[in-house]
Amino acid sequence: MTAAEIDRVFDPFFTTRLGRGGTGLGLSVVHGIITDHDGQISIKSTPGIGTSITFSIPLAGNELN
């Protein structure tokens, strides 16, 4: 993905799969779920090579007393 695509990748209905299916809702929904659970999501991409999406969420029941 290009830098411009990465900037928009979490926008609802944004897709890079024109003509090949996809609604552009998947990453938008995932982003909402991850951030609602105090998590983080990041993207690294090299155009023509590939894209990695990494996320983390806190361990449940890991509250500090």
PDB file of N, CA and C in Angstrom:
ATOM      1  N   MET A   1       0.835  -1.176   0.000  1.00  0.00           N
ATOM      2  CA  MET A   1       0.000   0.000   0.000  1.00  0.00           C
ATOM      3  C   MET A   1       0.882   1.242   0.000  1.00  0.00           C
ATOM      4  N   THR A   2       0.385   2.253  -0.617  1.00  0.00           N
ATOM      5  CA  THR A   2       1.091   3.535  -0.621  1.00  0.00           C
ATOM      6  C   THR A   2       0.822   4.259   0.699  1.00  0.00           C
ATOM      7  N   ALA A   3       1.597   5.305   0.972  1.00  0.00           N
ATOM      8  CA  ALA A   3       1.391   6.096   2.184  1.00  0.00           C
ATOM      9  C   ALA A   3      -0.008   6.718   2.199  1.00  0.00           C
ATOM     10  N   ALA A   4      -0.490   7.142   1.044  1.00  0.00           N
ATOM     11  CA  ALA A   4      -1.836   7.732   0.961  1.00  0.00           C
ATOM     12  C   ALA A   4      -2.911   6.692   1.294  1.00  0.00           C
ATOM     13  N   GLU A   5      -2.718   5.461   0.862  1.00  0.00           N
ATOM     14  CA  GLU A   5      -3.679   4.398   1.184  1.00  0.00           C
ATOM     15  C   GLU A   5      -3.636   4.061   2.666  1.00  0.00           C
ATOM     16  N   ILE A   6      -2.451   4.016   3.244  1.00  0.00           N
ATOM     17  CA  ILE A   6      -2.334   3.725   4.672  1.00  0.00           C
ATOM     18  C   ILE A   6      -3.040   4.799   5.490  1.00  0.00           C
ATOM     19  N   ASP A   7      -2.956   6.050   5.068  1.00  0.00           N
ATOM     20  CA  ASP A   7      -3.631   7.140   5.779  1.00  0.00           C
ATOM     21  C   ASP A   7      -5.150   6.957   5.816  1.00  0.00           C
ATOM     22  N   ARG A   8      -5.695   6.231   4.846  1.00  0.00           N
ATOM     23  CA  ARG A   8      -7.152   6.073   4.747  1.00  0.00           C
ATOM     24  C   ARG A   8      -7.644   4.676   5.095  1.00  0.00           C
ATOM     25  N   VAL A   9      -6.749   3.762   5.383  1.00  0.00           N
ATOM     26  CA  VAL A   9      -7.109   2.351   5.474  1.00  0.00           C
ATOM     27  C   VAL A   9      -8.180   2.045   6.529  1.00  0.00           C
ATOM     28  N   PHE A  10      -8.299   2.859   7.571  1.00  0.00           N
ATOM     29  CA  PHE A  10      -9.317   2.618   8.589  1.00  0.00           C
ATOM     30  C   PHE A  10     -10.603   3.390   8.326  1.00  0.00           C
ATOM     31  N   ASP A  11     -10.680   4.133   7.230  1.00  0.00           N
ATOM     32  CA  ASP A  11     -11.910   4.842   6.867  1.00  0.00           C
ATOM     33  C   ASP A  11     -12.971   3.839   6.407  1.00  0.00           C
ATOM     34  N   PRO A  12     -14.211   3.983   6.900  1.00  0.00           N
ATOM     35  CA  PRO A  12     -15.278   3.102   6.418  1.00  0.00           C
ATOM     36  C   PRO A  12     -15.435   3.194   4.899  1.00  0.00           C
ATOM     37  N   PHE A  13     -15.591   2.060   4.267  1.00  0.00           N
ATOM     38  CA  PHE A  13     -15.829   1.902   2.830  1.00  0.00           C
ATOM     39  C   PHE A  13     -14.611   2.183   1.958  1.00  0.00           C
ATOM     40  N   PHE A  14     -13.433   2.411   2.557  1.00  0.00           N
ATOM     41  CA  PHE A  14     -12.223   2.552   1.749  1.00  0.00           C
ATOM     42  C   PHE A  14     -11.708   1.153   1.418  1.00  0.00           C
ATOM     43  N   THR A  15     -11.398   0.920   0.156  1.00  0.00           N
ATOM     44  CA  THR A  15     -10.867  -0.373  -0.268  1.00  0.00           C
ATOM     45  C   THR A  15      -9.821  -0.192  -1.359  1.00  0.00           C
ATOM     46  N   THR A  16      -8.859  -1.081  -1.366  1.00  0.00           N
ATOM     47  CA  THR A  16      -7.870  -1.125  -2.452  1.00  0.00           C
ATOM     48  C   THR A  16      -8.209  -2.266  -3.400  1.00  0.00           C
ATOM     49  N   ARG A  17      -9.316  -2.940  -3.164  1.00  0.00           N
ATOM     50  CA  ARG A  17      -9.696  -4.119  -3.943  1.00  0.00           C
ATOM     51  C   ARG A  17     -10.771  -3.802  -4.990  1.00  0.00           C
ATOM     52  N   LEU A  18     -10.672  -2.677  -5.634  1.00  0.00           N
ATOM     53  CA  LEU A  18     -11.654  -2.304  -6.646  1.00  0.00           C
ATOM     54  C   LEU A  18     -11.736  -3.375  -7.721  1.00  0.00           C
ATOM     55  N   GLY A  19     -12.961  -3.789  -8.024  1.00  0.00           N
ATOM     56  CA  GLY A  19     -13.178  -4.789  -9.057  1.00  0.00           C
ATOM     57  C   GLY A  19     -12.875  -6.212  -8.619  1.00  0.00           C
ATOM     58  N   ARG A  20     -12.415  -6.400  -7.387  1.00  0.00           N
ATOM     59  CA  ARG A  20     -12.089  -7.740  -6.896  1.00  0.00           C
ATOM     60  C   ARG A  20     -12.869  -8.088  -5.643  1.00  0.00           C
ATOM     61  N   GLY A  21     -13.909  -7.330  -5.350  1.00  0.00           N
ATOM     62  CA  GLY A  21     -14.704  -7.589  -4.153  1.00  0.00           C
ATOM     63  C   GLY A  21     -14.201  -6.798  -2.967  1.00  0.00           C
ATOM     64  N   GLY A  22     -14.917  -6.896  -1.897  1.00  0.00           N
ATOM     65  CA  GLY A  22     -14.559  -6.166  -0.691  1.00  0.00           C
ATOM     66  C   GLY A  22     -15.424  -4.933  -0.543  1.00  0.00           C
ATOM     67  N   THR A  23     -15.823  -4.675   0.695  1.00  0.00           N
ATOM     68  CA  THR A  23     -16.691  -3.531   0.969  1.00  0.00           C
ATOM     69  C   THR A  23     -15.950  -2.374   1.613  1.00  0.00           C
ATOM     70  N   GLY A  24     -14.754  -2.630   2.128  1.00  0.00           N
ATOM     71  CA  GLY A  24     -14.010  -1.587   2.807  1.00  0.00           C
ATOM     72  C   GLY A  24     -14.441  -1.384   4.237  1.00  0.00           C
ATOM     73  N   LEU A  25     -15.133  -2.354   4.807  1.00  0.00           N
ATOM     74  CA  LEU A  25     -15.573  -2.222   6.191  1.00  0.00           C
ATOM     75  C   LEU A  25     -14.708  -3.006   7.172  1.00  0.00           C
ATOM     76  N   GLY A  26     -13.992  -3.987   6.717  1.00  0.00           N
ATOM     77  CA  GLY A  26     -13.248  -4.891   7.598  1.00  0.00           C
ATOM     78  C   GLY A  26     -12.286  -4.196   8.537  1.00  0.00           C
ATOM     79  N   LEU A  27     -11.343  -3.421   8.015  1.00  0.00           N
ATOM     80  CA  LEU A  27     -10.352  -2.779   8.871  1.00  0.00           C
ATOM     81  C   LEU A  27     -10.961  -1.664   9.710  1.00  0.00           C
ATOM     82  N   SER A  28     -12.011  -1.044   9.218  1.00  0.00           N
ATOM     83  CA  SER A  28     -12.706  -0.025  10.001  1.00  0.00           C
ATOM     84  C   SER A  28     -13.332  -0.660  11.238  1.00  0.00           C
ATOM     85  N   VAL A  29     -13.968  -1.799  11.069  1.00  0.00           N
ATOM     86  CA  VAL A  29     -14.589  -2.515  12.188  1.00  0.00           C
ATOM     87  C   VAL A  29     -13.514  -3.012  13.157  1.00  0.00           C
ATOM     88  N   VAL A  30     -12.456  -3.612  12.621  1.00  0.00           N
ATOM     89  CA  VAL A  30     -11.361  -4.106  13.467  1.00  0.00           C
ATOM     90  C   VAL A  30     -10.759  -2.967  14.286  1.00  0.00           C
ATOM     91  N   HIS A  31     -10.522  -1.826  13.646  1.00  0.00           N
ATOM     92  CA  HIS A  31      -9.959  -0.671  14.347  1.00  0.00           C
ATOM     93  C   HIS A  31     -10.856  -0.258  15.507  1.00  0.00           C
ATOM     94  N   GLY A  32     -12.154  -0.220  15.271  1.00  0.00           N
ATOM     95  CA  GLY A  32     -13.091   0.143  16.330  1.00  0.00           C
ATOM     96  C   GLY A  32     -13.059  -0.832  17.493  1.00  0.00           C
ATOM     97  N   ILE A  33     -13.014  -2.116  17.208  1.00  0.00           N
ATOM     98  CA  ILE A  33     -12.987  -3.132  18.265  1.00  0.00           C
ATOM     99  C   ILE A  33     -11.693  -3.032  19.074  1.00  0.00           C
ATOM    100  N   ILE A  34     -10.578  -2.935  18.373  1.00  0.00           N
ATOM    101  CA  ILE A  34      -9.280  -2.869  19.056  1.00  0.00           C
ATOM    102  C   ILE A  34      -9.196  -1.628  19.942  1.00  0.00           C
ATOM    103  N   THR A  35      -9.556  -0.466  19.408  1.00  0.00           N
ATOM    104  CA  THR A  35      -9.448   0.762  20.208  1.00  0.00           C
ATOM    105  C   THR A  35     -10.480   0.802  21.337  1.00  0.00           C
ATOM    106  N   ASP A  36     -11.650   0.197  21.139  1.00  0.00           N
ATOM    107  CA  ASP A  36     -12.643   0.124  22.212  1.00  0.00           C
ATOM    108  C   ASP A  36     -12.139  -0.696  23.392  1.00  0.00           C
ATOM    109  N   HIS A  37     -11.185  -1.578  23.143  1.00  0.00           N
ATOM    110  CA  HIS A  37     -10.617  -2.423  24.191  1.00  0.00           C
ATOM    111  C   HIS A  37      -9.229  -1.929  24.617  1.00  0.00           C
ATOM    112  N   ASP A  38      -8.978  -0.638  24.400  1.00  0.00           N
ATOM    113  CA  ASP A  38      -7.716   0.005  24.799  1.00  0.00           C
ATOM    114  C   ASP A  38      -6.499  -0.622  24.129  1.00  0.00           C
ATOM    115  N   GLY A  39      -6.682  -1.115  22.919  1.00  0.00           N
ATOM    116  CA  GLY A  39      -5.582  -1.715  22.185  1.00  0.00           C
ATOM    117  C   GLY A  39      -4.983  -0.762  21.168  1.00  0.00           C
ATOM    118  N   GLN A  40      -3.994  -1.269  20.462  1.00  0.00           N
ATOM    119  CA  GLN A  40      -3.320  -0.499  19.424  1.00  0.00           C
ATOM    120  C   GLN A  40      -3.242  -1.340  18.156  1.00  0.00           C
ATOM    121  N   ILE A  41      -3.270  -0.671  17.014  1.00  0.00           N
ATOM    122  CA  ILE A  41      -3.149  -1.337  15.725  1.00  0.00           C
ATOM    123  C   ILE A  41      -2.219  -0.503  14.848  1.00  0.00           C
ATOM    124  N   SER A  42      -1.310  -1.167  14.144  1.00  0.00           N
ATOM    125  CA  SER A  42      -0.372  -0.441  13.284  1.00  0.00           C
ATOM    126  C   SER A  42      -0.186  -1.195  11.972  1.00  0.00           C
ATOM    127  N   ILE A  43       0.236  -0.453  10.960  1.00  0.00           N
ATOM    128  CA  ILE A  43       0.414  -1.007   9.616  1.00  0.00           C
ATOM    129  C   ILE A  43       1.797  -0.648   9.109  1.00  0.00           C
ATOM    130  N   LYS A  44       2.467  -1.629   8.527  1.00  0.00           N
ATOM    131  CA  LYS A  44       3.724  -1.406   7.815  1.00  0.00           C
ATOM    132  C   LYS A  44       3.544  -1.999   6.428  1.00  0.00           C
ATOM    133  N   SER A  45       3.930  -1.254   5.408  1.00  0.00           N
ATOM    134  CA  SER A  45       3.716  -1.720   4.049  1.00  0.00           C
ATOM    135  C   SER A  45       4.856  -1.293   3.138  1.00  0.00           C
ATOM    136  N   THR A  46       5.200  -2.190   2.234  1.00  0.00           N
ATOM    137  CA  THR A  46       6.146  -1.900   1.166  1.00  0.00           C
ATOM    138  C   THR A  46       5.410  -2.163  -0.142  1.00  0.00           C
ATOM    139  N   PRO A  47       5.110  -1.108  -0.911  1.00  0.00           N
ATOM    140  CA  PRO A  47       4.360  -1.296  -2.155  1.00  0.00           C
ATOM    141  C   PRO A  47       5.008  -2.362  -3.049  1.00  0.00           C
ATOM    142  N   GLY A  48       4.172  -3.245  -3.550  1.00  0.00           N
ATOM    143  CA  GLY A  48       4.629  -4.317  -4.426  1.00  0.00           C
ATOM    144  C   GLY A  48       5.214  -5.512  -3.699  1.00  0.00           C
ATOM    145  N   ILE A  49       5.418  -5.401  -2.390  1.00  0.00           N
ATOM    146  CA  ILE A  49       5.996  -6.493  -1.605  1.00  0.00           C
ATOM    147  C   ILE A  49       4.964  -7.093  -0.653  1.00  0.00           C
ATOM    148  N   GLY A  50       4.395  -6.258   0.206  1.00  0.00           N
ATOM    149  CA  GLY A  50       3.400  -6.766   1.150  1.00  0.00           C
ATOM    150  C   GLY A  50       3.111  -5.791   2.269  1.00  0.00           C
ATOM    151  N   THR A  51       2.128  -6.168   3.059  1.00  0.00           N
ATOM    152  CA  THR A  51       1.658  -5.328   4.155  1.00  0.00           C
ATOM    153  C   THR A  51       1.497  -6.177   5.399  1.00  0.00           C
ATOM    154  N   SER A  52       1.917  -5.629   6.549  1.00  0.00           N
ATOM    155  CA  SER A  52       1.730  -6.289   7.839  1.00  0.00           C
ATOM    156  C   SER A  52       0.873  -5.397   8.725  1.00  0.00           C
ATOM    157  N   ILE A  53      -0.101  -6.014   9.357  1.00  0.00           N
ATOM    158  CA  ILE A  53      -0.947  -5.308  10.310  1.00  0.00           C
ATOM    159  C   ILE A  53      -0.754  -5.994  11.654  1.00  0.00           C
ATOM    160  N   THR A  54      -0.381  -5.205  12.650  1.00  0.00           N
ATOM    161  CA  THR A  54      -0.112  -5.731  13.980  1.00  0.00           C
ATOM    162  C   THR A  54      -1.051  -5.064  14.970  1.00  0.00           C
ATOM    163  N   PHE A  55      -1.594  -5.863  15.878  1.00  0.00           N
ATOM    164  CA  PHE A  55      -2.437  -5.274  16.905  1.00  0.00           C
ATOM    165  C   PHE A  55      -2.109  -5.892  18.254  1.00  0.00           C
ATOM    166  N   SER A  56      -2.431  -5.145  19.290  1.00  0.00           N
ATOM    167  CA  SER A  56      -2.281  -5.651  20.650  1.00  0.00           C
ATOM    168  C   SER A  56      -3.450  -5.150  21.478  1.00  0.00           C
ATOM    169  N   ILE A  57      -3.882  -5.984  22.392  1.00  0.00           N
ATOM    170  CA  ILE A  57      -4.928  -5.604  23.336  1.00  0.00           C
ATOM    171  C   ILE A  57      -4.458  -6.025  24.729  1.00  0.00           C
ATOM    172  N   PRO A  58      -4.862  -5.293  25.763  1.00  0.00           N
ATOM    173  CA  PRO A  58      -4.444  -5.637  27.113  1.00  0.00           C
ATOM    174  C   PRO A  58      -5.006  -6.983  27.539  1.00  0.00           C
ATOM    175  N   LEU A  59      -4.280  -7.672  28.375  1.00  0.00           N
ATOM    176  CA  LEU A  59      -4.715  -8.932  28.926  1.00  0.00           C
ATOM    177  C   LEU A  59      -5.901  -8.704  29.860  1.00  0.00           C
ATOM    178  N   ALA A  60      -6.972  -9.452  29.684  1.00  0.00           N
ATOM    179  CA  ALA A  60      -8.144  -9.308  30.535  1.00  0.00           C
ATOM    180  C   ALA A  60      -7.802  -9.678  31.972  1.00  0.00           C
ATOM    181  N   GLY A  61      -8.316  -8.931  32.919  1.00  0.00           N
ATOM    182  CA  GLY A  61      -8.092  -9.226  34.318  1.00  0.00           C
ATOM    183  C   GLY A  61      -6.705  -8.847  34.796  1.00  0.00           C
ATOM    184  N   ASN A  62      -6.011  -8.013  34.031  1.00  0.00           N
ATOM    185  CA  ASN A  62      -4.653  -7.623  34.370  1.00  0.00           C
ATOM    186  C   ASN A  62      -4.621  -6.251  35.041  1.00  0.00           C
ATOM    187  N   GLU A  63      -5.673  -5.924  35.773  1.00  0.00           N
ATOM    188  CA  GLU A  63      -5.740  -4.631  36.443  1.00  0.00           C
ATOM    189  C   GLU A  63      -4.734  -4.595  37.588  1.00  0.00           C
ATOM    190  N   LEU A  64      -4.121  -3.452  37.766  1.00  0.00           N
ATOM    191  CA  LEU A  64      -3.201  -3.276  38.884  1.00  0.00           C
ATOM    192  C   LEU A  64      -3.974  -2.818  40.107  1.00  0.00           C
ATOM    193  N   ASN A  65      -3.650  -3.336  41.264  1.00  0.00           N
ATOM    194  CA  ASN A  65      -4.343  -2.951  42.503  1.00  0.00           C
ATOM    195  C   ASN A  65      -3.605  -1.838  43.185  1.00  0.00           C
TER     196      ASN A  65
END
